[in-house]
Amino acid sequence: MLGLILAAMVYAFLFGALARFALPGPDPMPVWLTIAIGFGGTLIGSLIVFAIEGRHTRDTSWFGIASIVSAVGLLILYRKFVQKRPIWGKDAYRFPERGFGVEHQRERLRKVGIDPDQIGTGQPLMVAQPGLGQPAADSTHDDPGDPTENPAHYLGLLEELHDSGVLDDAEYSEAKTRLLEKLR
């Protein structure tokens, strides 16, 4: 029974992640929301296949396809009604302002010196300045959020943000270079 539950969670996470990959732009959200979108997509997709083919269908590939398409549909609804942002176009690449986990991701970006409002605009990313939500650091580096105090941690955060699609290659390189310049 536990194995069945774990397998269902893994499949739900996979379908939710594929839905996030299918739409352009960053989708910062907690793991539980990715699993919920994947699970909802699996449930809706299975119901659609059962409605069309009946309970005794032999071709199980339709379940996976319908689940992924349904998960994409749920993610579109999440973007449209919760995040209130476009699904396609250049504004879809902007970092969202609302949604589950968005404020946490925005804070992480600010800590590594990236203004989240500059992501997806085509403008160079700005180093966090006082007034952008980051307190001013004094010259003694007493601020625990100062990237120069623990550069390995912040380089890891940058890499994680790059791997999750929040930062593209150019933004990642620029932020990494800026952090390394501060260390000199």
C-alpha atoms as a PDB file:
ATOM      1  CA  MET A   1       0.000   0.000   0.000  1.00  0.00           C
ATOM      2  CA  LEU A   2       2.806   2.420   0.913  1.00  0.00           C
ATOM      3  CA  GLY A   3       4.595   1.540  -2.325  1.00  0.00           C
ATOM      4  CA  LEU A   4       1.454   2.367  -4.297  1.00  0.00           C
ATOM      5  CA  ILE A   5       1.148   5.757  -2.588  1.00  0.00           C
ATOM      6  CA  LEU A   6       4.820   6.560  -3.214  1.00  0.00           C
ATOM      7  CA  ALA A   7       4.536   5.503  -6.859  1.00  0.00           C
ATOM      8  CA  ALA A   8       1.455   7.712  -7.284  1.00  0.00           C
ATOM      9  CA  MET A   9       3.350  10.669  -5.771  1.00  0.00           C
ATOM     10  CA  VAL A  10       6.326  10.098  -8.078  1.00  0.00           C
ATOM     11  CA  TYR A  11       4.068   9.933 -11.149  1.00  0.00           C
ATOM     12  CA  ALA A  12       2.152  13.010  -9.995  1.00  0.00           C
ATOM     13  CA  PHE A  13       5.407  14.906  -9.499  1.00  0.00           C
ATOM     14  CA  LEU A  14       6.615  13.811 -12.940  1.00  0.00           C
ATOM     15  CA  PHE A  15       3.382  14.907 -14.656  1.00  0.00           C
ATOM     16  CA  GLY A  16       3.377  18.214 -12.740  1.00  0.00           C
ATOM     17  CA  ALA A  17       7.014  18.858 -13.672  1.00  0.00           C
ATOM     18  CA  LEU A  18       6.308  18.083 -17.336  1.00  0.00           C
ATOM     19  CA  ALA A  19       3.400  20.535 -17.247  1.00  0.00           C
ATOM     20  CA  ARG A  20       5.698  23.214 -15.804  1.00  0.00           C
ATOM     21  CA  PHE A  21       8.228  22.448 -18.539  1.00  0.00           C
ATOM     22  CA  ALA A  22       5.577  22.723 -21.268  1.00  0.00           C
ATOM     23  CA  LEU A  23       4.722  26.362 -20.550  1.00  0.00           C
ATOM     24  CA  PRO A  24       7.188  29.200 -21.143  1.00  0.00           C
ATOM     25  CA  GLY A  25       8.596  31.222 -18.270  1.00  0.00           C
ATOM     26  CA  PRO A  26       9.408  30.534 -14.638  1.00  0.00           C
ATOM     27  CA  ASP A  27       6.968  28.705 -12.396  1.00  0.00           C
ATOM     28  CA  PRO A  28       8.309  29.042  -8.857  1.00  0.00           C
ATOM     29  CA  MET A  29       6.167  26.827  -6.681  1.00  0.00           C
ATOM     30  CA  PRO A  30       6.640  24.389  -3.817  1.00  0.00           C
ATOM     31  CA  VAL A  31       7.035  20.667  -4.489  1.00  0.00           C
ATOM     32  CA  TRP A  32       3.636  19.920  -2.960  1.00  0.00           C
ATOM     33  CA  LEU A  33       1.959  22.166  -5.548  1.00  0.00           C
ATOM     34  CA  THR A  34       3.775  20.430  -8.411  1.00  0.00           C
ATOM     35  CA  ILE A  35       2.549  17.094  -7.027  1.00  0.00           C
ATOM     36  CA  ALA A  36      -0.990  18.463  -6.603  1.00  0.00           C
ATOM     37  CA  ILE A  37      -1.080  19.715 -10.203  1.00  0.00           C
ATOM     38  CA  GLY A  38       0.252  16.358 -11.423  1.00  0.00           C
ATOM     39  CA  PHE A  39      -2.219  14.431  -9.289  1.00  0.00           C
ATOM     40  CA  GLY A  40      -5.124  16.600 -10.440  1.00  0.00           C
ATOM     41  CA  GLY A  41      -4.011  16.140 -14.038  1.00  0.00           C
ATOM     42  CA  THR A  42      -3.815  12.379 -13.555  1.00  0.00           C
ATOM     43  CA  LEU A  43      -7.300  12.276 -12.055  1.00  0.00           C
ATOM     44  CA  ILE A  44      -8.853  14.452 -14.775  1.00  0.00           C
ATOM     45  CA  GLY A  45      -6.953  12.670 -17.559  1.00  0.00           C
ATOM     46  CA  SER A  46      -8.025   9.257 -16.295  1.00  0.00           C
ATOM     47  CA  LEU A  47     -11.652  10.360 -16.092  1.00  0.00           C
ATOM     48  CA  ILE A  48     -11.484  11.636 -19.681  1.00  0.00           C
ATOM     49  CA  VAL A  49     -10.019   8.349 -20.948  1.00  0.00           C
ATOM     50  CA  PHE A  50     -12.597   6.328 -19.007  1.00  0.00           C
ATOM     51  CA  ALA A  51     -15.387   8.494 -20.436  1.00  0.00           C
ATOM     52  CA  ILE A  52     -14.170   8.010 -24.001  1.00  0.00           C
ATOM     53  CA  GLU A  53     -12.899   4.425 -23.980  1.00  0.00           C
ATOM     54  CA  GLY A  54     -14.781   2.861 -21.103  1.00  0.00           C
ATOM     55  CA  ARG A  55     -13.447   0.913 -18.133  1.00  0.00           C
ATOM     56  CA  HIS A  56     -12.024  -1.930 -20.189  1.00  0.00           C
ATOM     57  CA  THR A  57      -9.531   0.004 -22.270  1.00  0.00           C
ATOM     58  CA  ARG A  58      -6.433  -1.946 -23.267  1.00  0.00           C
ATOM     59  CA  ASP A  59      -4.271   0.930 -24.455  1.00  0.00           C
ATOM     60  CA  THR A  60      -2.832   2.529 -21.304  1.00  0.00           C
ATOM     61  CA  SER A  61      -0.710   5.095 -23.147  1.00  0.00           C
ATOM     62  CA  TRP A  62      -3.732   7.370 -23.397  1.00  0.00           C
ATOM     63  CA  PHE A  63      -3.790   7.701 -19.611  1.00  0.00           C
ATOM     64  CA  GLY A  64      -0.316   9.277 -19.546  1.00  0.00           C
ATOM     65  CA  ILE A  65      -0.993  11.588 -22.466  1.00  0.00           C
ATOM     66  CA  ALA A  66      -4.338  12.727 -21.073  1.00  0.00           C
ATOM     67  CA  SER A  67      -2.770  13.208 -17.620  1.00  0.00           C
ATOM     68  CA  ILE A  68      -0.009  15.472 -18.922  1.00  0.00           C
ATOM     69  CA  VAL A  69      -2.401  17.506 -21.072  1.00  0.00           C
ATOM     70  CA  SER A  70      -4.766  17.877 -18.099  1.00  0.00           C
ATOM     71  CA  ALA A  71      -1.880  18.915 -15.817  1.00  0.00           C
ATOM     72  CA  VAL A  72      -0.910  21.592 -18.357  1.00  0.00           C
ATOM     73  CA  GLY A  73      -4.522  22.777 -18.302  1.00  0.00           C
ATOM     74  CA  LEU A  74      -4.460  23.005 -14.500  1.00  0.00           C
ATOM     75  CA  LEU A  75      -1.190  24.941 -14.626  1.00  0.00           C
ATOM     76  CA  ILE A  76      -2.729  27.345 -17.158  1.00  0.00           C
ATOM     77  CA  LEU A  77      -5.633  27.902 -14.755  1.00  0.00           C
ATOM     78  CA  TYR A  78      -3.186  28.438 -11.867  1.00  0.00           C
ATOM     79  CA  ARG A  79      -1.236  31.026 -13.864  1.00  0.00           C
ATOM     80  CA  LYS A  80      -4.376  32.779 -15.090  1.00  0.00           C
ATOM     81  CA  PHE A  81      -6.387  32.943 -11.863  1.00  0.00           C
ATOM     82  CA  VAL A  82      -3.869  32.685  -8.996  1.00  0.00           C
ATOM     83  CA  GLN A  83      -0.742  34.317 -10.426  1.00  0.00           C
ATOM     84  CA  LYS A  84      -2.782  36.590 -12.733  1.00  0.00           C
ATOM     85  CA  ARG A  85      -0.154  36.591 -15.469  1.00  0.00           C
ATOM     86  CA  PRO A  86      -0.083  35.724 -19.164  1.00  0.00           C
ATOM     87  CA  ILE A  87       0.396  32.172 -20.341  1.00  0.00           C
ATOM     88  CA  TRP A  88       2.142  33.018 -23.633  1.00  0.00           C
ATOM     89  CA  GLY A  89       4.108  35.960 -24.969  1.00  0.00           C
ATOM     90  CA  LYS A  90       6.961  38.004 -23.618  1.00  0.00           C
ATOM     91  CA  ASP A  91       5.238  38.740 -20.295  1.00  0.00           C
ATOM     92  CA  ALA A  92       5.018  35.019 -19.571  1.00  0.00           C
ATOM     93  CA  TYR A  93       8.795  35.096 -19.039  1.00  0.00           C
ATOM     94  CA  ARG A  94       8.514  37.676 -16.269  1.00  0.00           C
ATOM     95  CA  PHE A  95       8.900  36.472 -12.704  1.00  0.00           C
ATOM     96  CA  PRO A  96       5.436  36.210 -11.091  1.00  0.00           C
ATOM     97  CA  GLU A  97       4.397  38.576  -8.328  1.00  0.00           C
ATOM     98  CA  ARG A  98       1.891  36.306  -6.562  1.00  0.00           C
ATOM     99  CA  GLY A  99       1.243  32.640  -5.993  1.00  0.00           C
ATOM    100  CA  PHE A 100       2.294  29.872  -3.641  1.00  0.00           C
ATOM    101  CA  GLY A 101       6.013  30.090  -2.833  1.00  0.00           C
ATOM    102  CA  VAL A 102       6.614  33.140  -5.044  1.00  0.00           C
ATOM    103  CA  GLU A 103       7.457  35.514  -2.201  1.00  0.00           C
ATOM    104  CA  HIS A 104      10.002  33.016  -0.827  1.00  0.00           C
ATOM    105  CA  GLN A 105      11.670  32.710  -4.249  1.00  0.00           C
ATOM    106  CA  ARG A 106      11.662  36.500  -4.663  1.00  0.00           C
ATOM    107  CA  GLU A 107      13.443  36.848  -1.325  1.00  0.00           C
ATOM    108  CA  ARG A 108      16.038  34.241  -2.343  1.00  0.00           C
ATOM    109  CA  LEU A 109      16.714  36.147  -5.557  1.00  0.00           C
ATOM    110  CA  ARG A 110      17.142  39.403  -3.654  1.00  0.00           C
ATOM    111  CA  LYS A 111      19.611  37.737  -1.275  1.00  0.00           C
ATOM    112  CA  VAL A 112      21.874  36.788  -4.174  1.00  0.00           C
ATOM    113  CA  GLY A 113      21.660  40.285  -5.636  1.00  0.00           C
ATOM    114  CA  ILE A 114      19.028  39.814  -8.349  1.00  0.00           C
ATOM    115  CA  ASP A 115      16.005  42.028  -8.767  1.00  0.00           C
ATOM    116  CA  PRO A 116      13.156  39.578  -9.583  1.00  0.00           C
ATOM    117  CA  ASP A 117      11.278  42.292 -11.446  1.00  0.00           C
ATOM    118  CA  GLN A 118      14.096  42.451 -14.024  1.00  0.00           C
ATOM    119  CA  ILE A 119      13.833  38.744 -14.940  1.00  0.00           C
ATOM    120  CA  GLY A 120      12.354  38.274 -18.386  1.00  0.00           C
ATOM    121  CA  THR A 121      12.436  41.972 -19.307  1.00  0.00           C
ATOM    122  CA  GLY A 122      15.554  41.806 -21.477  1.00  0.00           C
ATOM    123  CA  GLN A 123      17.178  44.431 -19.250  1.00  0.00           C
ATOM    124  CA  PRO A 124      20.353  43.652 -17.335  1.00  0.00           C
ATOM    125  CA  LEU A 125      19.722  42.258 -13.885  1.00  0.00           C
ATOM    126  CA  MET A 126      20.449  44.793 -11.198  1.00  0.00           C
ATOM    127  CA  VAL A 127      22.404  44.238  -8.043  1.00  0.00           C
ATOM    128  CA  ALA A 128      20.043  44.537  -5.099  1.00  0.00           C
ATOM    129  CA  GLN A 129      20.217  48.093  -3.771  1.00  0.00           C
ATOM    130  CA  PRO A 130      18.794  49.533  -0.580  1.00  0.00           C
ATOM    131  CA  GLY A 131      15.183  50.284  -1.317  1.00  0.00           C
ATOM    132  CA  LEU A 132      14.629  47.080  -3.327  1.00  0.00           C
ATOM    133  CA  GLY A 133      13.741  45.190  -0.184  1.00  0.00           C
ATOM    134  CA  GLN A 134      17.337  44.461   0.867  1.00  0.00           C
ATOM    135  CA  PRO A 135      18.785  46.221   3.909  1.00  0.00           C
ATOM    136  CA  ALA A 136      22.004  48.136   3.320  1.00  0.00           C
ATOM    137  CA  ALA A 137      25.093  46.176   4.332  1.00  0.00           C
ATOM    138  CA  ASP A 138      27.831  48.001   6.158  1.00  0.00           C
ATOM    139  CA  SER A 139      31.517  47.599   5.398  1.00  0.00           C
ATOM    140  CA  THR A 140      32.073  45.125   8.258  1.00  0.00           C
ATOM    141  CA  HIS A 141      29.904  42.426   6.606  1.00  0.00           C
ATOM    142  CA  ASP A 142      27.819  41.873   9.750  1.00  0.00           C
ATOM    143  CA  ASP A 143      24.719  41.255   7.641  1.00  0.00           C
ATOM    144  CA  PRO A 144      23.997  37.492   7.732  1.00  0.00           C
ATOM    145  CA  GLY A 145      22.415  37.765   4.252  1.00  0.00           C
ATOM    146  CA  ASP A 146      25.610  39.190   2.711  1.00  0.00           C
ATOM    147  CA  PRO A 147      26.638  36.884  -0.166  1.00  0.00           C
ATOM    148  CA  THR A 148      30.342  37.505   0.497  1.00  0.00           C
ATOM    149  CA  GLU A 149      30.062  35.901   3.939  1.00  0.00           C
ATOM    150  CA  ASN A 150      29.134  32.511   2.491  1.00  0.00           C
ATOM    151  CA  PRO A 151      29.799  32.581  -1.258  1.00  0.00           C
ATOM    152  CA  ALA A 152      29.514  28.809  -1.706  1.00  0.00           C
ATOM    153  CA  HIS A 153      25.967  28.905  -0.343  1.00  0.00           C
ATOM    154  CA  TYR A 154      24.944  31.728  -2.657  1.00  0.00           C
ATOM    155  CA  LEU A 155      26.616  30.136  -5.676  1.00  0.00           C
ATOM    156  CA  GLY A 156      24.584  27.021  -4.851  1.00  0.00           C
ATOM    157  CA  LEU A 157      21.412  29.126  -4.690  1.00  0.00           C
ATOM    158  CA  LEU A 158      22.215  30.666  -8.067  1.00  0.00           C
ATOM    159  CA  GLU A 159      22.800  27.235  -9.566  1.00  0.00           C
ATOM    160  CA  GLU A 160      19.532  25.952  -8.103  1.00  0.00           C
ATOM    161  CA  LEU A 161      17.635  28.923  -9.527  1.00  0.00           C
ATOM    162  CA  HIS A 162      19.283  28.323 -12.909  1.00  0.00           C
ATOM    163  CA  ASP A 163      18.495  24.589 -12.851  1.00  0.00           C
ATOM    164  CA  SER A 164      14.856  25.243 -11.954  1.00  0.00           C
ATOM    165  CA  GLY A 165      14.468  27.665 -14.880  1.00  0.00           C
ATOM    166  CA  VAL A 166      14.049  30.841 -12.848  1.00  0.00           C
ATOM    167  CA  LEU A 167      17.282  32.234 -14.327  1.00  0.00           C
ATOM    168  CA  ASP A 168      18.278  31.735 -17.951  1.00  0.00           C
ATOM    169  CA  ASP A 169      21.908  31.157 -18.956  1.00  0.00           C
ATOM    170  CA  ALA A 170      22.754  34.844 -19.423  1.00  0.00           C
ATOM    171  CA  GLU A 171      21.131  35.886 -16.137  1.00  0.00           C
ATOM    172  CA  TYR A 172      22.892  33.074 -14.285  1.00  0.00           C
ATOM    173  CA  SER A 173      26.291  34.013 -15.730  1.00  0.00           C
ATOM    174  CA  GLU A 174      25.750  37.693 -14.970  1.00  0.00           C
ATOM    175  CA  ALA A 175      24.725  37.070 -11.353  1.00  0.00           C
ATOM    176  CA  LYS A 176      27.582  34.629 -10.791  1.00  0.00           C
ATOM    177  CA  THR A 177      30.103  37.067 -12.254  1.00  0.00           C
ATOM    178  CA  ARG A 178      28.719  39.888 -10.117  1.00  0.00           C
ATOM    179  CA  LEU A 179      29.013  37.759  -6.968  1.00  0.00           C
ATOM    180  CA  LEU A 180      32.566  36.733  -7.808  1.00  0.00           C
ATOM    181  CA  GLU A 181      33.468  40.397  -8.480  1.00  0.00           C
ATOM    182  CA  LYS A 182      32.269  41.284  -4.963  1.00  0.00           C
ATOM    183  CA  LEU A 183      34.683  38.728  -3.531  1.00  0.00           C
ATOM    184  CA  ARG A 184      37.736  40.459  -5.037  1.00  0.00           C
END
